[in-house]
Amino acid sequence: MARQRIAVIGGVASGPAAAAEAVRTAPEADVVLFEKDAHISYGACEIPYYVAGWMEDHHRLVLLTPARWMAPNGAFC
């Protein structure tokens, strides 16, 4: 029987959560997360603070990079 393949579209908020749940539910499946941007999770609620100038470094908004997602014992596992 063919291995189950699950595609998750969108990397902000619900995308990584859905992919992680898919891995927990079907650990034998191939789960792929597709995102068009360089980061798969960021603090969207904090963007007004950045725009207002209360936060100088936009990198502080990044919560999860693809490298962190794939790292052993990372957020994905």
PDB file of N, CA and C in Angstrom:
ATOM      1  N   MET A   1       0.839  -1.181   0.000  1.00  0.00           N
ATOM      2  CA  MET A   1       0.000   0.000   0.000  1.00  0.00           C
ATOM      3  C   MET A   1       0.882   1.242   0.000  1.00  0.00           C
ATOM      4  N   ALA A   2       0.467   2.252  -0.739  1.00  0.00           N
ATOM      5  CA  ALA A   2       1.245   3.488  -0.862  1.00  0.00           C
ATOM      6  C   ALA A   2       1.233   4.256   0.456  1.00  0.00           C
ATOM      7  N   ARG A   3       2.343   4.906   0.715  1.00  0.00           N
ATOM      8  CA  ARG A   3       2.473   5.720   1.914  1.00  0.00           C
ATOM      9  C   ARG A   3       1.572   6.952   1.790  1.00  0.00           C
ATOM     10  N   GLN A   4       0.875   7.296   2.858  1.00  0.00           N
ATOM     11  CA  GLN A   4      -0.004   8.460   2.861  1.00  0.00           C
ATOM     12  C   GLN A   4       0.817   9.735   2.748  1.00  0.00           C
ATOM     13  N   ARG A   5       0.340  10.685   1.926  1.00  0.00           N
ATOM     14  CA  ARG A   5       1.019  11.964   1.753  1.00  0.00           C
ATOM     15  C   ARG A   5       0.040  13.065   2.134  1.00  0.00           C
ATOM     16  N   ILE A   6       0.487  13.971   2.999  1.00  0.00           N
ATOM     17  CA  ILE A   6      -0.355  15.068   3.468  1.00  0.00           C
ATOM     18  C   ILE A   6       0.341  16.381   3.130  1.00  0.00           C
ATOM     19  N   ALA A   7      -0.352  17.256   2.415  1.00  0.00           N
ATOM     20  CA  ALA A   7       0.175  18.575   2.073  1.00  0.00           C
ATOM     21  C   ALA A   7      -0.560  19.616   2.900  1.00  0.00           C
ATOM     22  N   VAL A   8       0.187  20.487   3.542  1.00  0.00           N
ATOM     23  CA  VAL A   8      -0.383  21.584   4.317  1.00  0.00           C
ATOM     24  C   VAL A   8       0.038  22.874   3.626  1.00  0.00           C
ATOM     25  N   ILE A   9      -0.932  23.711   3.302  1.00  0.00           N
ATOM     26  CA  ILE A   9      -0.671  24.965   2.593  1.00  0.00           C
ATOM     27  C   ILE A   9      -0.787  26.118   3.584  1.00  0.00           C
ATOM     28  N   GLY A  10       0.283  26.904   3.686  1.00  0.00           N
ATOM     29  CA  GLY A  10       0.274  28.077   4.559  1.00  0.00           C
ATOM     30  C   GLY A  10       1.055  27.831   5.833  1.00  0.00           C
ATOM     31  N   GLY A  11       2.000  28.721   6.097  1.00  0.00           N
ATOM     32  CA  GLY A  11       2.900  28.490   7.219  1.00  0.00           C
ATOM     33  C   GLY A  11       2.693  29.371   8.428  1.00  0.00           C
ATOM     34  N   VAL A  12       1.686  30.225   8.426  1.00  0.00           N
ATOM     35  CA  VAL A  12       1.503  31.094   9.578  1.00  0.00           C
ATOM     36  C   VAL A  12       0.367  30.557  10.449  1.00  0.00           C
ATOM     37  N   ALA A  13       0.654  30.405  11.703  1.00  0.00           N
ATOM     38  CA  ALA A  13      -0.305  29.987  12.737  1.00  0.00           C
ATOM     39  C   ALA A  13      -0.870  28.592  12.513  1.00  0.00           C
ATOM     40  N   SER A  14      -1.958  28.470  11.781  1.00  0.00           N
ATOM     41  CA  SER A  14      -2.631  27.178  11.700  1.00  0.00           C
ATOM     42  C   SER A  14      -1.909  26.161  10.830  1.00  0.00           C
ATOM     43  N   GLY A  15      -1.089  26.600   9.884  1.00  0.00           N
ATOM     44  CA  GLY A  15      -0.361  25.660   9.027  1.00  0.00           C
ATOM     45  C   GLY A  15       0.577  24.758   9.803  1.00  0.00           C
ATOM     46  N   PRO A  16       1.526  25.321  10.579  1.00  0.00           N
ATOM     47  CA  PRO A  16       2.409  24.470  11.373  1.00  0.00           C
ATOM     48  C   PRO A  16       1.649  23.631  12.407  1.00  0.00           C
ATOM     49  N   ALA A  17       0.591  24.198  12.970  1.00  0.00           N
ATOM     50  CA  ALA A  17      -0.209  23.435  13.939  1.00  0.00           C
ATOM     51  C   ALA A  17      -0.864  22.233  13.257  1.00  0.00           C
ATOM     52  N   ALA A  18      -1.392  22.437  12.054  1.00  0.00           N
ATOM     53  CA  ALA A  18      -2.028  21.338  11.318  1.00  0.00           C
ATOM     54  C   ALA A  18      -0.999  20.281  10.926  1.00  0.00           C
ATOM     55  N   ALA A  19       0.183  20.718  10.490  1.00  0.00           N
ATOM     56  CA  ALA A  19       1.232  19.765  10.115  1.00  0.00           C
ATOM     57  C   ALA A  19       1.693  18.957  11.320  1.00  0.00           C
ATOM     58  N   ALA A  20       1.873  19.611  12.450  1.00  0.00           N
ATOM     59  CA  ALA A  20       2.289  18.899  13.666  1.00  0.00           C
ATOM     60  C   ALA A  20       1.229  17.894  14.102  1.00  0.00           C
ATOM     61  N   GLU A  21      -0.028  18.272  14.003  1.00  0.00           N
ATOM     62  CA  GLU A  21      -1.114  17.342  14.356  1.00  0.00           C
ATOM     63  C   GLU A  21      -1.153  16.173  13.384  1.00  0.00           C
ATOM     64  N   ALA A  22      -0.905  16.428  12.107  1.00  0.00           N
ATOM     65  CA  ALA A  22      -0.870  15.347  11.123  1.00  0.00           C
ATOM     66  C   ALA A  22       0.237  14.352  11.454  1.00  0.00           C
ATOM     67  N   VAL A  23       1.396  14.850  11.869  1.00  0.00           N
ATOM     68  CA  VAL A  23       2.511  13.965  12.232  1.00  0.00           C
ATOM     69  C   VAL A  23       2.166  13.154  13.484  1.00  0.00           C
ATOM     70  N   ARG A  24       1.521  13.793  14.451  1.00  0.00           N
ATOM     71  CA  ARG A  24       1.134  13.056  15.670  1.00  0.00           C
ATOM     72  C   ARG A  24       0.071  12.001  15.368  1.00  0.00           C
ATOM     73  N   THR A  25      -0.861  12.338  14.473  1.00  0.00           N
ATOM     74  CA  THR A  25      -1.965  11.430  14.149  1.00  0.00           C
ATOM     75  C   THR A  25      -1.533  10.293  13.233  1.00  0.00           C
ATOM     76  N   ALA A  26      -0.683  10.622  12.266  1.00  0.00           N
ATOM     77  CA  ALA A  26      -0.234   9.632  11.282  1.00  0.00           C
ATOM     78  C   ALA A  26       1.284   9.717  11.141  1.00  0.00           C
ATOM     79  N   PRO A  27       2.041   9.218  12.121  1.00  0.00           N
ATOM     80  CA  PRO A  27       3.500   9.361  12.093  1.00  0.00           C
ATOM     81  C   PRO A  27       4.168   8.678  10.897  1.00  0.00           C
ATOM     82  N   GLU A  28       3.495   7.752  10.265  1.00  0.00           N
ATOM     83  CA  GLU A  28       4.071   7.069   9.113  1.00  0.00           C
ATOM     84  C   GLU A  28       3.857   7.839   7.809  1.00  0.00           C
ATOM     85  N   ALA A  29       3.070   8.900   7.834  1.00  0.00           N
ATOM     86  CA  ALA A  29       2.753   9.672   6.631  1.00  0.00           C
ATOM     87  C   ALA A  29       3.875  10.657   6.285  1.00  0.00           C
ATOM     88  N   ASP A  30       3.948  11.009   5.019  1.00  0.00           N
ATOM     89  CA  ASP A  30       4.841  12.082   4.562  1.00  0.00           C
ATOM     90  C   ASP A  30       4.054  13.380   4.671  1.00  0.00           C
ATOM     91  N   VAL A  31       4.498  14.282   5.535  1.00  0.00           N
ATOM     92  CA  VAL A  31       3.819  15.560   5.729  1.00  0.00           C
ATOM     93  C   VAL A  31       4.718  16.660   5.183  1.00  0.00           C
ATOM     94  N   VAL A  32       4.166  17.487   4.289  1.00  0.00           N
ATOM     95  CA  VAL A  32       4.921  18.578   3.672  1.00  0.00           C
ATOM     96  C   VAL A  32       4.161  19.877   3.920  1.00  0.00           C
ATOM     97  N   LEU A  33       4.889  20.885   4.401  1.00  0.00           N
ATOM     98  CA  LEU A  33       4.322  22.203   4.651  1.00  0.00           C
ATOM     99  C   LEU A  33       4.803  23.156   3.552  1.00  0.00           C
ATOM    100  N   PHE A  34       3.890  23.790   2.861  1.00  0.00           N
ATOM    101  CA  PHE A  34       4.221  24.742   1.801  1.00  0.00           C
ATOM    102  C   PHE A  34       3.947  26.158   2.279  1.00  0.00           C
ATOM    103  N   GLU A  35       4.951  27.023   2.133  1.00  0.00           N
ATOM    104  CA  GLU A  35       4.806  28.441   2.484  1.00  0.00           C
ATOM    105  C   GLU A  35       5.607  29.253   1.483  1.00  0.00           C
ATOM    106  N   LYS A  36       5.053  30.332   0.985  1.00  0.00           N
ATOM    107  CA  LYS A  36       5.728  31.140  -0.044  1.00  0.00           C
ATOM    108  C   LYS A  36       6.791  32.062   0.527  1.00  0.00           C
ATOM    109  N   ASP A  37       6.710  32.401   1.803  1.00  0.00           N
ATOM    110  CA  ASP A  37       7.668  33.328   2.409  1.00  0.00           C
ATOM    111  C   ASP A  37       8.816  32.587   3.083  1.00  0.00           C
ATOM    112  N   ALA A  38       9.804  33.348   3.524  1.00  0.00           N
ATOM    113  CA  ALA A  38      11.002  32.761   4.126  1.00  0.00           C
ATOM    114  C   ALA A  38      10.774  32.240   5.543  1.00  0.00           C
ATOM    115  N   HIS A  39       9.747  32.723   6.217  1.00  0.00           N
ATOM    116  CA  HIS A  39       9.477  32.310   7.598  1.00  0.00           C
ATOM    117  C   HIS A  39       8.138  31.610   7.667  1.00  0.00           C
ATOM    118  N   ILE A  40       8.049  30.617   8.530  1.00  0.00           N
ATOM    119  CA  ILE A  40       6.799  29.870   8.613  1.00  0.00           C
ATOM    120  C   ILE A  40       5.959  30.250   9.810  1.00  0.00           C
ATOM    121  N   SER A  41       6.472  31.099  10.673  1.00  0.00           N
ATOM    122  CA  SER A  41       5.665  31.557  11.794  1.00  0.00           C
ATOM    123  C   SER A  41       6.250  32.854  12.322  1.00  0.00           C
ATOM    124  N   TYR A  42       5.404  33.804  12.545  1.00  0.00           N
ATOM    125  CA  TYR A  42       5.845  35.075  13.106  1.00  0.00           C
ATOM    126  C   TYR A  42       4.738  35.658  13.969  1.00  0.00           C
ATOM    127  N   GLY A  43       5.123  36.606  14.813  1.00  0.00           N
ATOM    128  CA  GLY A  43       4.164  37.234  15.714  1.00  0.00           C
ATOM    129  C   GLY A  43       3.360  38.302  14.999  1.00  0.00           C
ATOM    130  N   ALA A  44       2.291  37.921  14.338  1.00  0.00           N
ATOM    131  CA  ALA A  44       1.477  38.865  13.576  1.00  0.00           C
ATOM    132  C   ALA A  44       0.840  39.921  14.475  1.00  0.00           C
ATOM    133  N   CYS A  45       0.493  39.554  15.689  1.00  0.00           N
ATOM    134  CA  CYS A  45      -0.146  40.504  16.598  1.00  0.00           C
ATOM    135  C   CYS A  45       0.808  41.620  17.026  1.00  0.00           C
ATOM    136  N   GLU A  46       2.105  41.379  16.904  1.00  0.00           N
ATOM    137  CA  GLU A  46       3.088  42.375  17.302  1.00  0.00           C
ATOM    138  C   GLU A  46       3.475  43.320  16.174  1.00  0.00           C
ATOM    139  N   ILE A  47       2.996  43.096  14.959  1.00  0.00           N
ATOM    140  CA  ILE A  47       3.353  43.947  13.822  1.00  0.00           C
ATOM    141  C   ILE A  47       3.021  45.425  14.078  1.00  0.00           C
ATOM    142  N   PRO A  48       1.886  45.762  14.680  1.00  0.00           N
ATOM    143  CA  PRO A  48       1.630  47.188  14.956  1.00  0.00           C
ATOM    144  C   PRO A  48       2.712  47.840  15.823  1.00  0.00           C
ATOM    145  N   TYR A  49       3.305  47.084  16.735  1.00  0.00           N
ATOM    146  CA  TYR A  49       4.387  47.629  17.564  1.00  0.00           C
ATOM    147  C   TYR A  49       5.607  47.954  16.701  1.00  0.00           C
ATOM    148  N   TYR A  50       5.882  47.110  15.722  1.00  0.00           N
ATOM    149  CA  TYR A  50       7.003  47.357  14.816  1.00  0.00           C
ATOM    150  C   TYR A  50       6.717  48.574  13.936  1.00  0.00           C
ATOM    151  N   VAL A  51       5.513  48.624  13.368  1.00  0.00           N
ATOM    152  CA  VAL A  51       5.141  49.727  12.493  1.00  0.00           C
ATOM    153  C   VAL A  51       5.161  51.049  13.260  1.00  0.00           C
ATOM    154  N   ALA A  52       4.745  51.035  14.516  1.00  0.00           N
ATOM    155  CA  ALA A  52       4.719  52.251  15.337  1.00  0.00           C
ATOM    156  C   ALA A  52       6.110  52.682  15.793  1.00  0.00           C
ATOM    157  N   GLY A  53       7.110  51.802  15.571  1.00  0.00           N
ATOM    158  CA  GLY A  53       8.468  52.138  15.972  1.00  0.00           C
ATOM    159  C   GLY A  53       8.807  51.753  17.400  1.00  0.00           C
ATOM    160  N   TRP A  54       7.924  51.041  18.065  1.00  0.00           N
ATOM    161  CA  TRP A  54       8.168  50.606  19.447  1.00  0.00           C
ATOM    162  C   TRP A  54       9.101  49.408  19.499  1.00  0.00           C
ATOM    163  N   MET A  55       9.303  48.769  18.369  1.00  0.00           N
ATOM    164  CA  MET A  55      10.181  47.614  18.258  1.00  0.00           C
ATOM    165  C   MET A  55      11.085  47.870  17.053  1.00  0.00           C
ATOM    166  N   GLU A  56      12.384  47.956  17.268  1.00  0.00           N
ATOM    167  CA  GLU A  56      13.296  48.318  16.183  1.00  0.00           C
ATOM    168  C   GLU A  56      13.692  47.142  15.297  1.00  0.00           C
ATOM    169  N   ASP A  57      13.820  45.975  15.867  1.00  0.00           N
ATOM    170  CA  ASP A  57      14.320  44.825  15.119  1.00  0.00           C
ATOM    171  C   ASP A  57      13.173  43.926  14.681  1.00  0.00           C
ATOM    172  N   HIS A  58      12.876  43.897  13.383  1.00  0.00           N
ATOM    173  CA  HIS A  58      11.770  43.066  12.888  1.00  0.00           C
ATOM    174  C   HIS A  58      12.047  41.578  13.060  1.00  0.00           C
ATOM    175  N   HIS A  59      13.299  41.199  13.265  1.00  0.00           N
ATOM    176  CA  HIS A  59      13.616  39.789  13.487  1.00  0.00           C
ATOM    177  C   HIS A  59      13.011  39.267  14.792  1.00  0.00           C
ATOM    178  N   ARG A  60      12.675  40.163  15.701  1.00  0.00           N
ATOM    179  CA  ARG A  60      12.035  39.736  16.949  1.00  0.00           C
ATOM    180  C   ARG A  60      10.627  39.201  16.709  1.00  0.00           C
ATOM    181  N   LEU A  61      10.058  39.502  15.537  1.00  0.00           N
ATOM    182  CA  LEU A  61       8.729  38.999  15.198  1.00  0.00           C
ATOM    183  C   LEU A  61       8.760  37.534  14.775  1.00  0.00           C
ATOM    184  N   VAL A  62       9.922  37.053  14.319  1.00  0.00           N
ATOM    185  CA  VAL A  62      10.037  35.691  13.801  1.00  0.00           C
ATOM    186  C   VAL A  62      10.012  34.702  14.964  1.00  0.00           C
ATOM    187  N   LEU A  63       9.057  33.787  14.907  1.00  0.00           N
ATOM    188  CA  LEU A  63       8.937  32.774  15.946  1.00  0.00           C
ATOM    189  C   LEU A  63       9.555  31.449  15.528  1.00  0.00           C
ATOM    190  N   LEU A  64       9.462  31.147  14.245  1.00  0.00           N
ATOM    191  CA  LEU A  64       9.893  29.838  13.783  1.00  0.00           C
ATOM    192  C   LEU A  64      10.420  29.942  12.358  1.00  0.00           C
ATOM    193  N   THR A  65      11.660  29.541  12.172  1.00  0.00           N
ATOM    194  CA  THR A  65      12.249  29.501  10.833  1.00  0.00           C
ATOM    195  C   THR A  65      12.149  28.074  10.297  1.00  0.00           C
ATOM    196  N   PRO A  66      12.263  27.889   8.992  1.00  0.00           N
ATOM    197  CA  PRO A  66      12.255  26.525   8.460  1.00  0.00           C
ATOM    198  C   PRO A  66      13.346  25.645   9.082  1.00  0.00           C
ATOM    199  N   ALA A  67      14.526  26.205   9.327  1.00  0.00           N
ATOM    200  CA  ALA A  67      15.613  25.416   9.927  1.00  0.00           C
ATOM    201  C   ALA A  67      15.243  24.949  11.327  1.00  0.00           C
ATOM    202  N   ARG A  68      14.616  25.804  12.100  1.00  0.00           N
ATOM    203  CA  ARG A  68      14.202  25.430  13.466  1.00  0.00           C
ATOM    204  C   ARG A  68      13.105  24.368  13.410  1.00  0.00           C
ATOM    205  N   TRP A  69      12.222  24.511  12.431  1.00  0.00           N
ATOM    206  CA  TRP A  69      11.113  23.553  12.253  1.00  0.00           C
ATOM    207  C   TRP A  69      11.663  22.142  11.995  1.00  0.00           C
ATOM    208  N   MET A  70      12.718  22.049  11.192  1.00  0.00           N
ATOM    209  CA  MET A  70      13.260  20.760  10.795  1.00  0.00           C
ATOM    210  C   MET A  70      14.309  20.199  11.772  1.00  0.00           C
ATOM    211  N   ALA A  71      14.762  21.007  12.713  1.00  0.00           N
ATOM    212  CA  ALA A  71      15.803  20.595  13.645  1.00  0.00           C
ATOM    213  C   ALA A  71      15.323  19.456  14.546  1.00  0.00           C
ATOM    214  N   PRO A  72      16.219  18.544  14.905  1.00  0.00           N
ATOM    215  CA  PRO A  72      15.834  17.503  15.870  1.00  0.00           C
ATOM    216  C   PRO A  72      15.353  18.155  17.152  1.00  0.00           C
ATOM    217  N   ASN A  73      14.292  17.630  17.688  1.00  0.00           N
ATOM    218  CA  ASN A  73      13.668  18.180  18.898  1.00  0.00           C
ATOM    219  C   ASN A  73      13.176  19.610  18.681  1.00  0.00           C
ATOM    220  N   GLY A  74      12.917  19.976  17.434  1.00  0.00           N
ATOM    221  CA  GLY A  74      12.395  21.304  17.131  1.00  0.00           C
ATOM    222  C   GLY A  74      10.900  21.356  17.373  1.00  0.00           C
ATOM    223  N   ALA A  75      10.277  22.392  16.888  1.00  0.00           N
ATOM    224  CA  ALA A  75       8.853  22.592  17.119  1.00  0.00           C
ATOM    225  C   ALA A  75       7.999  21.530  16.428  1.00  0.00           C
ATOM    226  N   PHE A  76       8.526  20.960  15.352  1.00  0.00           N
ATOM    227  CA  PHE A  76       7.763  19.995  14.577  1.00  0.00           C
ATOM    228  C   PHE A  76       7.580  18.691  15.321  1.00  0.00           C
ATOM    229  N   CYS A  77       8.577  18.303  16.081  1.00  0.00           N
ATOM    230  CA  CYS A  77       8.549  16.996  16.742  1.00  0.00           C
ATOM    231  C   CYS A  77       7.696  17.007  17.988  1.00  0.00           C
TER     232      CYS A  77
END
